[in-house]
């Protein structure tokens, strides 16, 4: 019998989870626990990222991992060029985390963009 210790964060929001031994740290950011301002910032940043990825996906192919990586790199370049967008994205990342922001973004490039956004957040500290 295999112990399945994976937990879907949606299942534990507003409840208690017993996971047994946990090594490292667990961070759960719930949109429900955010202030209205934080939710608005998160939604605006997700919309900005979605629009940017959609625009880039029209110009650049996104069929292969390499092509998706190139689009993700271009997206980061564009975010860094626009201080207002970068500030909004960083504020949203701090409020809700990368997972919450990416959950609101529907694009195949988003999985590759996620670690880049985490790096952007780390650089801002």
PDB file of N, CA and C in Angstrom:
ATOM      1  N   UNK A   1       0.850  -1.183   0.000  1.00  0.00           N
ATOM      2  CA  UNK A   1       0.000   0.000   0.000  1.00  0.00           C
ATOM      3  C   UNK A   1       0.884   1.230   0.000  1.00  0.00           C
ATOM      4  N   UNK A   2       0.613   2.166  -0.879  1.00  0.00           N
ATOM      5  CA  UNK A   2       1.409   3.375  -1.013  1.00  0.00           C
ATOM      6  C   UNK A   2       0.714   4.526  -0.303  1.00  0.00           C
ATOM      7  N   UNK A   3       1.476   5.274   0.493  1.00  0.00           N
ATOM      8  CA  UNK A   3       0.934   6.465   1.123  1.00  0.00           C
ATOM      9  C   UNK A   3       0.971   7.604   0.130  1.00  0.00           C
ATOM     10  N   UNK A   4      -0.155   8.180  -0.146  1.00  0.00           N
ATOM     11  CA  UNK A   4      -0.225   9.332  -1.033  1.00  0.00           C
ATOM     12  C   UNK A   4      -0.289  10.567  -0.163  1.00  0.00           C
ATOM     13  N   UNK A   5       0.789  11.329  -0.154  1.00  0.00           N
ATOM     14  CA  UNK A   5       0.851  12.525   0.688  1.00  0.00           C
ATOM     15  C   UNK A   5       0.640  13.798  -0.101  1.00  0.00           C
ATOM     16  N   UNK A   6       0.223  13.684  -1.364  1.00  0.00           N
ATOM     17  CA  UNK A   6      -0.027  14.892  -2.130  1.00  0.00           C
ATOM     18  C   UNK A   6      -1.358  15.488  -1.704  1.00  0.00           C
ATOM     19  N   UNK A   7      -1.386  16.787  -1.707  1.00  0.00           N
ATOM     20  CA  UNK A   7      -2.579  17.498  -1.267  1.00  0.00           C
ATOM     21  C   UNK A   7      -2.896  18.577  -2.284  1.00  0.00           C
ATOM     22  N   UNK A   8      -4.115  18.630  -2.706  1.00  0.00           N
ATOM     23  CA  UNK A   8      -4.577  19.701  -3.569  1.00  0.00           C
ATOM     24  C   UNK A   8      -4.912  20.884  -2.662  1.00  0.00           C
ATOM     25  N   UNK A   9      -4.288  22.024  -2.909  1.00  0.00           N
ATOM     26  CA  UNK A   9      -4.499  23.179  -2.035  1.00  0.00           C
ATOM     27  C   UNK A   9      -5.959  23.598  -1.995  1.00  0.00           C
ATOM     28  N   UNK A  10      -6.699  23.335  -3.046  1.00  0.00           N
ATOM     29  CA  UNK A  10      -8.122  23.684  -3.029  1.00  0.00           C
ATOM     30  C   UNK A  10      -8.861  22.874  -1.971  1.00  0.00           C
ATOM     31  N   UNK A  11      -8.363  21.666  -1.680  1.00  0.00           N
ATOM     32  CA  UNK A  11      -9.010  20.814  -0.691  1.00  0.00           C
ATOM     33  C   UNK A  11      -8.731  21.246   0.736  1.00  0.00           C
ATOM     34  N   UNK A  12      -7.660  22.022   0.968  1.00  0.00           N
ATOM     35  CA  UNK A  12      -7.318  22.357   2.340  1.00  0.00           C
ATOM     36  C   UNK A  12      -7.602  23.793   2.732  1.00  0.00           C
ATOM     37  N   UNK A  13      -8.003  24.604   1.776  1.00  0.00           N
ATOM     38  CA  UNK A  13      -8.338  25.976   2.116  1.00  0.00           C
ATOM     39  C   UNK A  13      -9.555  25.951   3.046  1.00  0.00           C
ATOM     40  N   UNK A  14      -9.474  26.664   4.129  1.00  0.00           N
ATOM     41  CA  UNK A  14     -10.516  26.745   5.154  1.00  0.00           C
ATOM     42  C   UNK A  14     -10.712  25.434   5.906  1.00  0.00           C
ATOM     43  N   UNK A  15      -9.733  24.556   5.878  1.00  0.00           N
ATOM     44  CA  UNK A  15      -9.822  23.324   6.649  1.00  0.00           C
ATOM     45  C   UNK A  15      -8.436  22.958   7.153  1.00  0.00           C
ATOM     46  N   UNK A  16      -8.369  21.932   7.939  1.00  0.00           N
ATOM     47  CA  UNK A  16      -7.113  21.490   8.511  1.00  0.00           C
ATOM     48  C   UNK A  16      -6.669  20.245   7.770  1.00  0.00           C
ATOM     49  N   UNK A  17      -5.375  20.177   7.463  1.00  0.00           N
ATOM     50  CA  UNK A  17      -4.847  19.006   6.778  1.00  0.00           C
ATOM     51  C   UNK A  17      -3.766  18.367   7.626  1.00  0.00           C
ATOM     52  N   UNK A  18      -3.811  17.076   7.742  1.00  0.00           N
ATOM     53  CA  UNK A  18      -2.784  16.339   8.456  1.00  0.00           C
ATOM     54  C   UNK A  18      -1.965  15.608   7.415  1.00  0.00           C
ATOM     55  N   UNK A  19      -0.727  16.056   7.224  1.00  0.00           N
ATOM     56  CA  UNK A  19       0.086  15.481   6.169  1.00  0.00           C
ATOM     57  C   UNK A  19       1.156  14.549   6.680  1.00  0.00           C
ATOM     58  N   UNK A  20       1.225  14.324   7.969  1.00  0.00           N
ATOM     59  CA  UNK A  20       2.305  13.502   8.496  1.00  0.00           C
ATOM     60  C   UNK A  20       3.579  14.310   8.526  1.00  0.00           C
ATOM     61  N   UNK A  21       4.686  13.679   8.233  1.00  0.00           N
ATOM     62  CA  UNK A  21       5.973  14.365   8.266  1.00  0.00           C
ATOM     63  C   UNK A  21       6.114  15.261   7.041  1.00  0.00           C
ATOM     64  N   UNK A  22       6.466  16.509   7.279  1.00  0.00           N
ATOM     65  CA  UNK A  22       6.672  17.461   6.194  1.00  0.00           C
ATOM     66  C   UNK A  22       8.097  17.966   6.279  1.00  0.00           C
ATOM     67  N   UNK A  23       8.829  17.798   5.200  1.00  0.00           N
ATOM     68  CA  UNK A  23      10.195  18.314   5.141  1.00  0.00           C
ATOM     69  C   UNK A  23      10.169  19.560   4.273  1.00  0.00           C
ATOM     70  N   UNK A  24      10.866  20.600   4.690  1.00  0.00           N
ATOM     71  CA  UNK A  24      10.847  21.855   3.957  1.00  0.00           C
ATOM     72  C   UNK A  24       9.686  22.699   4.444  1.00  0.00           C
ATOM     73  N   UNK A  25       9.214  23.562   3.585  1.00  0.00           N
ATOM     74  CA  UNK A  25       8.117  24.433   3.998  1.00  0.00           C
ATOM     75  C   UNK A  25       6.973  24.314   3.014  1.00  0.00           C
ATOM     76  N   UNK A  26       5.803  24.590   3.507  1.00  0.00           N
ATOM     77  CA  UNK A  26       4.613  24.594   2.675  1.00  0.00           C
ATOM     78  C   UNK A  26       4.031  25.990   2.747  1.00  0.00           C
ATOM     79  N   UNK A  27       3.710  26.533   1.596  1.00  0.00           N
ATOM     80  CA  UNK A  27       3.104  27.852   1.545  1.00  0.00           C
ATOM     81  C   UNK A  27       1.814  27.750   0.757  1.00  0.00           C
ATOM     82  N   UNK A  28       0.731  28.130   1.362  1.00  0.00           N
ATOM     83  CA  UNK A  28      -0.569  28.106   0.701  1.00  0.00           C
ATOM     84  C   UNK A  28      -1.125  29.514   0.738  1.00  0.00           C
ATOM     85  N   UNK A  29      -1.265  30.100  -0.421  1.00  0.00           N
ATOM     86  CA  UNK A  29      -1.874  31.419  -0.521  1.00  0.00           C
ATOM     87  C   UNK A  29      -3.247  31.242  -1.122  1.00  0.00           C
ATOM     88  N   UNK A  30      -4.254  31.616  -0.403  1.00  0.00           N
ATOM     89  CA  UNK A  30      -5.621  31.473  -0.866  1.00  0.00           C
ATOM     90  C   UNK A  30      -6.138  32.825  -1.323  1.00  0.00           C
ATOM     91  N   UNK A  31      -6.761  32.820  -2.473  1.00  0.00           N
ATOM     92  CA  UNK A  31      -7.373  34.048  -2.965  1.00  0.00           C
ATOM     93  C   UNK A  31      -8.447  34.501  -1.981  1.00  0.00           C
ATOM     94  N   UNK A  32      -9.089  33.534  -1.318  1.00  0.00           N
ATOM     95  CA  UNK A  32     -10.117  33.871  -0.329  1.00  0.00           C
ATOM     96  C   UNK A  32      -9.544  34.679   0.829  1.00  0.00           C
ATOM     97  N   UNK A  33      -8.278  34.483   1.155  1.00  0.00           N
ATOM     98  CA  UNK A  33      -7.666  35.167   2.292  1.00  0.00           C
ATOM     99  C   UNK A  33      -7.058  36.516   1.922  1.00  0.00           C
ATOM    100  N   UNK A  34      -7.160  36.904   0.683  1.00  0.00           N
ATOM    101  CA  UNK A  34      -6.585  38.174   0.237  1.00  0.00           C
ATOM    102  C   UNK A  34      -7.572  39.310   0.449  1.00  0.00           C
ATOM    103  N   UNK A  35      -7.003  40.498   0.574  1.00  0.00           N
ATOM    104  CA  UNK A  35      -7.845  41.684   0.636  1.00  0.00           C
ATOM    105  C   UNK A  35      -8.414  41.947  -0.759  1.00  0.00           C
ATOM    106  N   UNK A  36      -9.477  42.719  -0.858  1.00  0.00           N
ATOM    107  CA  UNK A  36     -10.009  43.057  -2.185  1.00  0.00           C
ATOM    108  C   UNK A  36      -8.950  43.723  -3.080  1.00  0.00           C
ATOM    109  N   UNK A  37      -8.102  44.545  -2.491  1.00  0.00           N
ATOM    110  CA  UNK A  37      -7.053  45.201  -3.268  1.00  0.00           C
ATOM    111  C   UNK A  37      -6.058  44.176  -3.816  1.00  0.00           C
ATOM    112  N   UNK A  38      -5.680  43.196  -2.991  1.00  0.00           N
ATOM    113  CA  UNK A  38      -4.756  42.160  -3.434  1.00  0.00           C
ATOM    114  C   UNK A  38      -5.378  41.311  -4.547  1.00  0.00           C
ATOM    115  N   UNK A  39      -6.663  40.982  -4.411  1.00  0.00           N
ATOM    116  CA  UNK A  39      -7.345  40.202  -5.457  1.00  0.00           C
ATOM    117  C   UNK A  39      -7.393  40.988  -6.758  1.00  0.00           C
ATOM    118  N   UNK A  40      -7.655  42.292  -6.658  1.00  0.00           N
ATOM    119  CA  UNK A  40      -7.704  43.139  -7.846  1.00  0.00           C
ATOM    120  C   UNK A  40      -6.328  43.194  -8.518  1.00  0.00           C
ATOM    121  N   UNK A  41      -5.279  43.368  -7.716  1.00  0.00           N
ATOM    122  CA  UNK A  41      -3.917  43.411  -8.258  1.00  0.00           C
ATOM    123  C   UNK A  41      -3.573  42.102  -8.941  1.00  0.00           C
ATOM    124  N   UNK A  42      -3.935  40.996  -8.322  1.00  0.00           N
ATOM    125  CA  UNK A  42      -3.678  39.680  -8.891  1.00  0.00           C
ATOM    126  C   UNK A  42      -4.416  39.517 -10.215  1.00  0.00           C
ATOM    127  N   UNK A  43      -5.658  39.900 -10.253  1.00  0.00           N
ATOM    128  CA  UNK A  43      -6.454  39.786 -11.479  1.00  0.00           C
ATOM    129  C   UNK A  43      -5.890  40.663 -12.592  1.00  0.00           C
ATOM    130  N   UNK A  44      -5.485  41.884 -12.249  1.00  0.00           N
ATOM    131  CA  UNK A  44      -4.921  42.796 -13.253  1.00  0.00           C
ATOM    132  C   UNK A  44      -3.602  42.258 -13.802  1.00  0.00           C
ATOM    133  N   UNK A  45      -2.752  41.749 -12.929  1.00  0.00           N
ATOM    134  CA  UNK A  45      -1.469  41.202 -13.376  1.00  0.00           C
ATOM    135  C   UNK A  45      -1.684  39.973 -14.252  1.00  0.00           C
ATOM    136  N   UNK A  46      -2.605  39.113 -13.863  1.00  0.00           N
ATOM    137  CA  UNK A  46      -2.902  37.925 -14.669  1.00  0.00           C
ATOM    138  C   UNK A  46      -3.412  38.334 -16.046  1.00  0.00           C
ATOM    139  N   UNK A  47      -4.244  39.361 -16.081  1.00  0.00           N
ATOM    140  CA  UNK A  47      -4.779  39.845 -17.361  1.00  0.00           C
ATOM    141  C   UNK A  47      -3.649  40.400 -18.236  1.00  0.00           C
ATOM    142  N   UNK A  48      -2.747  41.166 -17.629  1.00  0.00           N
ATOM    143  CA  UNK A  48      -1.608  41.718 -18.373  1.00  0.00           C
ATOM    144  C   UNK A  48      -0.740  40.596 -18.957  1.00  0.00           C
ATOM    145  N   UNK A  49      -0.460  39.595 -18.133  1.00  0.00           N
ATOM    146  CA  UNK A  49       0.363  38.477 -18.590  1.00  0.00           C
ATOM    147  C   UNK A  49      -0.357  37.705 -19.686  1.00  0.00           C
ATOM    148  N   UNK A  50      -1.654  37.464 -19.498  1.00  0.00           N
ATOM    149  CA  UNK A  50      -2.441  36.744 -20.501  1.00  0.00           C
ATOM    150  C   UNK A  50      -2.411  37.482 -21.840  1.00  0.00           C
ATOM    151  N   UNK A  51      -2.634  38.784 -21.805  1.00  0.00           N
ATOM    152  CA  UNK A  51      -2.618  39.569 -23.037  1.00  0.00           C
ATOM    153  C   UNK A  51      -1.254  39.533 -23.700  1.00  0.00           C
ATOM    154  N   UNK A  52      -0.202  39.661 -22.908  1.00  0.00           N
ATOM    155  CA  UNK A  52       1.150  39.629 -23.447  1.00  0.00           C
ATOM    156  C   UNK A  52       1.450  38.280 -24.091  1.00  0.00           C
ATOM    157  N   UNK A  53       1.111  37.195 -23.408  1.00  0.00           N
ATOM    158  CA  UNK A  53       1.362  35.863 -23.951  1.00  0.00           C
ATOM    159  C   UNK A  53       0.534  35.607 -25.206  1.00  0.00           C
ATOM    160  N   UNK A  54      -0.702  36.061 -25.208  1.00  0.00           N
ATOM    161  CA  UNK A  54      -1.544  35.905 -26.400  1.00  0.00           C
ATOM    162  C   UNK A  54      -0.956  36.666 -27.577  1.00  0.00           C
ATOM    163  N   UNK A  55      -0.505  37.885 -27.324  1.00  0.00           N
ATOM    164  CA  UNK A  55       0.092  38.709 -28.374  1.00  0.00           C
ATOM    165  C   UNK A  55       1.363  38.048 -28.921  1.00  0.00           C
ATOM    166  N   UNK A  56       2.227  37.600 -28.032  1.00  0.00           N
ATOM    167  CA  UNK A  56       3.469  36.959 -28.463  1.00  0.00           C
ATOM    168  C   UNK A  56       3.202  35.641 -29.186  1.00  0.00           C
ATOM    169  N   UNK A  57       2.177  34.920 -28.751  1.00  0.00           N
ATOM    170  CA  UNK A  57       1.849  33.636 -29.376  1.00  0.00           C
ATOM    171  C   UNK A  57       1.315  33.807 -30.795  1.00  0.00           C
ATOM    172  N   UNK A  58       0.795  34.980 -31.098  1.00  0.00           N
ATOM    173  CA  UNK A  58       0.353  35.266 -32.470  1.00  0.00           C
ATOM    174  C   UNK A  58       1.545  35.483 -33.387  1.00  0.00           C
ATOM    175  N   UNK A  59       2.619  36.018 -32.830  1.00  0.00           N
ATOM    176  CA  UNK A  59       3.804  36.347 -33.619  1.00  0.00           C
ATOM    177  C   UNK A  59       4.810  35.203 -33.670  1.00  0.00           C
ATOM    178  N   UNK A  60       4.966  34.509 -32.557  1.00  0.00           N
ATOM    179  CA  UNK A  60       5.963  33.456 -32.436  1.00  0.00           C
ATOM    180  C   UNK A  60       5.280  32.101 -32.270  1.00  0.00           C
ATOM    181  N   UNK A  61       5.866  31.051 -32.876  1.00  0.00           N
ATOM    182  CA  UNK A  61       5.278  29.716 -32.710  1.00  0.00           C
ATOM    183  C   UNK A  61       5.450  29.207 -31.275  1.00  0.00           C
ATOM    184  N   UNK A  62       4.524  28.361 -30.861  1.00  0.00           N
ATOM    185  CA  UNK A  62       4.581  27.791 -29.508  1.00  0.00           C
ATOM    186  C   UNK A  62       4.266  26.294 -29.537  1.00  0.00           C
ATOM    187  N   UNK A  63       4.736  25.616 -30.565  1.00  0.00           N
ATOM    188  CA  UNK A  63       4.461  24.182 -30.688  1.00  0.00           C
ATOM    189  C   UNK A  63       5.433  23.335 -29.874  1.00  0.00           C
ATOM    190  N   UNK A  64       6.700  23.697 -29.856  1.00  0.00           N
ATOM    191  CA  UNK A  64       7.705  22.899 -29.155  1.00  0.00           C
ATOM    192  C   UNK A  64       8.089  23.564 -27.836  1.00  0.00           C
ATOM    193  N   UNK A  65       8.760  22.803 -26.991  1.00  0.00           N
ATOM    194  CA  UNK A  65       9.231  23.355 -25.717  1.00  0.00           C
ATOM    195  C   UNK A  65      10.200  24.505 -25.980  1.00  0.00           C
ATOM    196  N   UNK A  66      11.065  24.359 -26.959  1.00  0.00           N
ATOM    197  CA  UNK A  66      12.026  25.417 -27.278  1.00  0.00           C
ATOM    198  C   UNK A  66      11.309  26.693 -27.720  1.00  0.00           C
ATOM    199  N   UNK A  67      10.276  26.539 -28.517  1.00  0.00           N
ATOM    200  CA  UNK A  67       9.515  27.713 -28.964  1.00  0.00           C
ATOM    201  C   UNK A  67       8.777  28.363 -27.795  1.00  0.00           C
ATOM    202  N   UNK A  68       8.195  27.550 -26.927  1.00  0.00           N
ATOM    203  CA  UNK A  68       7.512  28.089 -25.746  1.00  0.00           C
ATOM    204  C   UNK A  68       8.507  28.802 -24.833  1.00  0.00           C
ATOM    205  N   UNK A  69       9.708  28.235 -24.708  1.00  0.00           N
ATOM    206  CA  UNK A  69      10.750  28.868 -23.888  1.00  0.00           C
ATOM    207  C   UNK A  69      11.141  30.224 -24.461  1.00  0.00           C
ATOM    208  N   UNK A  70      11.238  30.300 -25.772  1.00  0.00           N
ATOM    209  CA  UNK A  70      11.592  31.561 -26.423  1.00  0.00           C
ATOM    210  C   UNK A  70      10.503  32.616 -26.172  1.00  0.00           C
ATOM    211  N   UNK A  71       9.246  32.215 -26.234  1.00  0.00           N
ATOM    212  CA  UNK A  71       8.144  33.145 -25.987  1.00  0.00           C
ATOM    213  C   UNK A  71       8.146  33.578 -24.521  1.00  0.00           C
ATOM    214  N   UNK A  72       8.411  32.644 -23.609  1.00  0.00           N
ATOM    215  CA  UNK A  72       8.475  32.986 -22.186  1.00  0.00           C
ATOM    216  C   UNK A  72       9.598  33.986 -21.927  1.00  0.00           C
ATOM    217  N   UNK A  73      10.754  33.765 -22.558  1.00  0.00           N
ATOM    218  CA  UNK A  73      11.878  34.696 -22.398  1.00  0.00           C
ATOM    219  C   UNK A  73      11.512  36.076 -22.947  1.00  0.00           C
ATOM    220  N   UNK A  74      10.833  36.094 -24.069  1.00  0.00           N
ATOM    221  CA  UNK A  74      10.400  37.370 -24.659  1.00  0.00           C
ATOM    222  C   UNK A  74       9.385  38.060 -23.740  1.00  0.00           C
ATOM    223  N   UNK A  75       8.513  37.285 -23.113  1.00  0.00           N
ATOM    224  CA  UNK A  75       7.528  37.855 -22.192  1.00  0.00           C
ATOM    225  C   UNK A  75       8.217  38.515 -21.010  1.00  0.00           C
ATOM    226  N   UNK A  76       9.222  37.857 -20.449  1.00  0.00           N
ATOM    227  CA  UNK A  76       9.975  38.447 -19.332  1.00  0.00           C
ATOM    228  C   UNK A  76      10.659  39.734 -19.780  1.00  0.00           C
ATOM    229  N   UNK A  77      11.246  39.718 -20.975  1.00  0.00           N
ATOM    230  CA  UNK A  77      11.875  40.936 -21.510  1.00  0.00           C
ATOM    231  C   UNK A  77      10.859  42.076 -21.578  1.00  0.00           C
ATOM    232  N   UNK A  78       9.675  41.778 -22.087  1.00  0.00           N
ATOM    233  CA  UNK A  78       8.632  42.800 -22.219  1.00  0.00           C
ATOM    234  C   UNK A  78       8.162  43.298 -20.850  1.00  0.00           C
ATOM    235  N   UNK A  79       8.020  42.388 -19.888  1.00  0.00           N
ATOM    236  CA  UNK A  79       7.614  42.781 -18.537  1.00  0.00           C
ATOM    237  C   UNK A  79       8.655  43.701 -17.918  1.00  0.00           C
ATOM    238  N   UNK A  80       9.925  43.366 -18.098  1.00  0.00           N
ATOM    239  CA  UNK A  80      10.997  44.176 -17.518  1.00  0.00           C
ATOM    240  C   UNK A  80      11.129  45.540 -18.190  1.00  0.00           C
ATOM    241  N   UNK A  81      10.711  45.676 -19.445  1.00  0.00           N
ATOM    242  CA  UNK A  81      10.775  46.944 -20.163  1.00  0.00           C
ATOM    243  C   UNK A  81       9.719  47.944 -19.685  1.00  0.00           C
ATOM    244  N   UNK A  82       8.646  47.421 -19.094  1.00  0.00           N
ATOM    245  CA  UNK A  82       7.522  48.274 -18.699  1.00  0.00           C
ATOM    246  C   UNK A  82       7.440  48.305 -17.176  1.00  0.00           C
ATOM    247  N   UNK A  83       7.981  49.356 -16.547  1.00  0.00           N
ATOM    248  CA  UNK A  83       8.008  49.423 -15.075  1.00  0.00           C
ATOM    249  C   UNK A  83       6.633  49.289 -14.416  1.00  0.00           C
ATOM    250  N   UNK A  84       5.593  49.839 -15.044  1.00  0.00           N
ATOM    251  CA  UNK A  84       4.263  49.735 -14.446  1.00  0.00           C
ATOM    252  C   UNK A  84       3.758  48.297 -14.446  1.00  0.00           C
ATOM    253  N   UNK A  85       3.994  47.578 -15.537  1.00  0.00           N
ATOM    254  CA  UNK A  85       3.584  46.172 -15.624  1.00  0.00           C
ATOM    255  C   UNK A  85       4.427  45.323 -14.678  1.00  0.00           C
ATOM    256  N   UNK A  86       5.730  45.568 -14.669  1.00  0.00           N
ATOM    257  CA  UNK A  86       6.623  44.818 -13.784  1.00  0.00           C
ATOM    258  C   UNK A  86       6.215  45.025 -12.326  1.00  0.00           C
ATOM    259  N   UNK A  87       5.929  46.255 -11.946  1.00  0.00           N
ATOM    260  CA  UNK A  87       5.513  46.543 -10.578  1.00  0.00           C
ATOM    261  C   UNK A  87       4.219  45.840 -10.213  1.00  0.00           C
ATOM    262  N   UNK A  88       3.277  45.833 -11.154  1.00  0.00           N
ATOM    263  CA  UNK A  88       1.993  45.169 -10.921  1.00  0.00           C
ATOM    264  C   UNK A  88       2.189  43.657 -10.756  1.00  0.00           C
ATOM    265  N   UNK A  89       3.033  43.081 -11.615  1.00  0.00           N
ATOM    266  CA  UNK A  89       3.304  41.637 -11.537  1.00  0.00           C
ATOM    267  C   UNK A  89       4.001  41.298 -10.224  1.00  0.00           C
ATOM    268  N   UNK A  90       4.993  42.088  -9.845  1.00  0.00           N
ATOM    269  CA  UNK A  90       5.706  41.823  -8.593  1.00  0.00           C
ATOM    270  C   UNK A  90       4.773  41.942  -7.387  1.00  0.00           C
ATOM    271  N   UNK A  91       3.923  42.950  -7.399  1.00  0.00           N
ATOM    272  CA  UNK A  91       2.971  43.137  -6.299  1.00  0.00           C
ATOM    273  C   UNK A  91       2.018  41.944  -6.219  1.00  0.00           C
ATOM    274  N   UNK A  92       1.566  41.465  -7.369  1.00  0.00           N
ATOM    275  CA  UNK A  92       0.663  40.308  -7.402  1.00  0.00           C
ATOM    276  C   UNK A  92       1.368  39.044  -6.928  1.00  0.00           C
ATOM    277  N   UNK A  93       2.619  38.872  -7.332  1.00  0.00           N
ATOM    278  CA  UNK A  93       3.389  37.697  -6.898  1.00  0.00           C
ATOM    279  C   UNK A  93       3.568  37.691  -5.388  1.00  0.00           C
ATOM    280  N   UNK A  94       3.829  38.864  -4.822  1.00  0.00           N
ATOM    281  CA  UNK A  94       4.005  38.960  -3.376  1.00  0.00           C
ATOM    282  C   UNK A  94       2.688  38.695  -2.645  1.00  0.00           C
ATOM    283  N   UNK A  95       1.588  39.124  -3.210  1.00  0.00           N
ATOM    284  CA  UNK A  95       0.289  38.959  -2.560  1.00  0.00           C
ATOM    285  C   UNK A  95      -0.233  37.527  -2.659  1.00  0.00           C
ATOM    286  N   UNK A  96      -0.142  36.949  -3.839  1.00  0.00           N
ATOM    287  CA  UNK A  96      -0.779  35.653  -4.044  1.00  0.00           C
ATOM    288  C   UNK A  96       0.136  34.523  -4.426  1.00  0.00           C
ATOM    289  N   UNK A  97       1.377  34.851  -4.758  1.00  0.00           N
ATOM    290  CA  UNK A  97       2.299  33.802  -5.171  1.00  0.00           C
ATOM    291  C   UNK A  97       2.170  33.488  -6.644  1.00  0.00           C
ATOM    292  N   UNK A  98       3.167  32.809  -7.136  1.00  0.00           N
ATOM    293  CA  UNK A  98       3.219  32.459  -8.555  1.00  0.00           C
ATOM    294  C   UNK A  98       2.062  31.535  -8.919  1.00  0.00           C
ATOM    295  N   UNK A  99       1.764  30.574  -8.063  1.00  0.00           N
ATOM    296  CA  UNK A  99       0.709  29.606  -8.379  1.00  0.00           C
ATOM    297  C   UNK A  99      -0.639  30.286  -8.573  1.00  0.00           C
ATOM    298  N   UNK A 100      -0.970  31.219  -7.700  1.00  0.00           N
ATOM    299  CA  UNK A 100      -2.248  31.922  -7.816  1.00  0.00           C
ATOM    300  C   UNK A 100      -2.304  32.755  -9.092  1.00  0.00           C
ATOM    301  N   UNK A 101      -1.215  33.423  -9.400  1.00  0.00           N
ATOM    302  CA  UNK A 101      -1.171  34.238 -10.613  1.00  0.00           C
ATOM    303  C   UNK A 101      -1.281  33.362 -11.855  1.00  0.00           C
ATOM    304  N   UNK A 102      -0.561  32.261 -11.856  1.00  0.00           N
ATOM    305  CA  UNK A 102      -0.564  31.395 -13.026  1.00  0.00           C
ATOM    306  C   UNK A 102      -1.876  30.642 -13.196  1.00  0.00           C
ATOM    307  N   UNK A 103      -2.580  30.408 -12.097  1.00  0.00           N
ATOM    308  CA  UNK A 103      -3.872  29.739 -12.182  1.00  0.00           C
ATOM    309  C   UNK A 103      -4.873  30.595 -12.949  1.00  0.00           C
ATOM    310  N   UNK A 104      -4.688  31.905 -12.897  1.00  0.00           N
ATOM    311  CA  UNK A 104      -5.586  32.823 -13.587  1.00  0.00           C
ATOM    312  C   UNK A 104      -5.166  33.097 -15.030  1.00  0.00           C
ATOM    313  N   UNK A 105      -4.049  32.524 -15.439  1.00  0.00           N
ATOM    314  CA  UNK A 105      -3.528  32.750 -16.782  1.00  0.00           C
ATOM    315  C   UNK A 105      -3.663  31.466 -17.586  1.00  0.00           C
ATOM    316  N   UNK A 106      -4.286  31.551 -18.746  1.00  0.00           N
ATOM    317  CA  UNK A 106      -4.547  30.372 -19.563  1.00  0.00           C
ATOM    318  C   UNK A 106      -3.742  30.457 -20.859  1.00  0.00           C
ATOM    319  N   UNK A 107      -2.545  29.897 -20.841  1.00  0.00           N
ATOM    320  CA  UNK A 107      -1.685  29.900 -22.018  1.00  0.00           C
ATOM    321  C   UNK A 107      -0.691  28.762 -21.864  1.00  0.00           C
ATOM    322  N   UNK A 108      -0.353  28.058 -22.950  1.00  0.00           N
ATOM    323  CA  UNK A 108       0.578  26.930 -22.840  1.00  0.00           C
ATOM    324  C   UNK A 108       1.995  27.338 -22.429  1.00  0.00           C
ATOM    325  N   UNK A 109       2.329  28.589 -22.550  1.00  0.00           N
ATOM    326  CA  UNK A 109       3.669  29.070 -22.210  1.00  0.00           C
ATOM    327  C   UNK A 109       3.806  29.298 -20.701  1.00  0.00           C
ATOM    328  N   UNK A 110       2.687  29.362 -20.005  1.00  0.00           N
ATOM    329  CA  UNK A 110       2.696  29.763 -18.598  1.00  0.00           C
ATOM    330  C   UNK A 110       3.532  28.836 -17.717  1.00  0.00           C
ATOM    331  N   UNK A 111       3.585  27.545 -18.019  1.00  0.00           N
ATOM    332  CA  UNK A 111       4.378  26.620 -17.203  1.00  0.00           C
ATOM    333  C   UNK A 111       5.866  26.933 -17.297  1.00  0.00           C
ATOM    334  N   UNK A 112       6.299  27.391 -18.433  1.00  0.00           N
ATOM    335  CA  UNK A 112       7.705  27.750 -18.619  1.00  0.00           C
ATOM    336  C   UNK A 112       7.979  29.133 -18.047  1.00  0.00           C
ATOM    337  N   UNK A 113       6.994  30.000 -18.094  1.00  0.00           N
ATOM    338  CA  UNK A 113       7.137  31.362 -17.582  1.00  0.00           C
ATOM    339  C   UNK A 113       7.201  31.399 -16.057  1.00  0.00           C
ATOM    340  N   UNK A 114       6.569  30.440 -15.396  1.00  0.00           N
ATOM    341  CA  UNK A 114       6.481  30.430 -13.940  1.00  0.00           C
ATOM    342  C   UNK A 114       7.827  30.556 -13.237  1.00  0.00           C
ATOM    343  N   UNK A 115       8.828  29.708 -13.541  1.00  0.00           N
ATOM    344  CA  UNK A 115      10.108  29.876 -12.840  1.00  0.00           C
ATOM    345  C   UNK A 115      10.800  31.203 -13.162  1.00  0.00           C
ATOM    346  N   UNK A 116      10.534  31.738 -14.339  1.00  0.00           N
ATOM    347  CA  UNK A 116      11.104  33.039 -14.690  1.00  0.00           C
ATOM    348  C   UNK A 116      10.498  34.137 -13.820  1.00  0.00           C
ATOM    349  N   UNK A 117       9.205  34.041 -13.562  1.00  0.00           N
ATOM    350  CA  UNK A 117       8.549  35.022 -12.694  1.00  0.00           C
ATOM    351  C   UNK A 117       9.052  34.887 -11.266  1.00  0.00           C
ATOM    352  N   UNK A 118       9.291  33.639 -10.833  1.00  0.00           N
ATOM    353  CA  UNK A 118       9.860  33.434  -9.491  1.00  0.00           C
ATOM    354  C   UNK A 118      11.236  34.082  -9.388  1.00  0.00           C
ATOM    355  N   UNK A 119      12.036  33.968 -10.443  1.00  0.00           N
ATOM    356  CA  UNK A 119      13.356  34.612 -10.466  1.00  0.00           C
ATOM    357  C   UNK A 119      13.215  36.129 -10.431  1.00  0.00           C
ATOM    358  N   UNK A 120      12.254  36.652 -11.152  1.00  0.00           N
ATOM    359  CA  UNK A 120      12.008  38.093 -11.150  1.00  0.00           C
ATOM    360  C   UNK A 120      11.657  38.576  -9.747  1.00  0.00           C
ATOM    361  N   UNK A 121      10.853  37.784  -9.050  1.00  0.00           N
ATOM    362  CA  UNK A 121      10.483  38.125  -7.675  1.00  0.00           C
ATOM    363  C   UNK A 121      11.704  38.084  -6.755  1.00  0.00           C
ATOM    364  N   UNK A 122      12.531  37.063  -6.896  1.00  0.00           N
ATOM    365  CA  UNK A 122      13.736  36.942  -6.065  1.00  0.00           C
ATOM    366  C   UNK A 122      14.696  38.114  -6.307  1.00  0.00           C
ATOM    367  N   UNK A 123      14.836  38.517  -7.564  1.00  0.00           N
ATOM    368  CA  UNK A 123      15.722  39.650  -7.890  1.00  0.00           C
ATOM    369  C   UNK A 123      15.228  40.954  -7.286  1.00  0.00           C
ATOM    370  N   UNK A 124      13.932  41.061  -7.052  1.00  0.00           N
ATOM    371  CA  UNK A 124      13.377  42.306  -6.534  1.00  0.00           C
ATOM    372  C   UNK A 124      13.551  42.445  -5.031  1.00  0.00           C
ATOM    373  N   UNK A 125      13.950  41.378  -4.379  1.00  0.00           N
ATOM    374  CA  UNK A 125      14.103  41.420  -2.907  1.00  0.00           C
ATOM    375  C   UNK A 125      15.394  42.074  -2.503  1.00  0.00           C
TER     376      UNK A 125
END
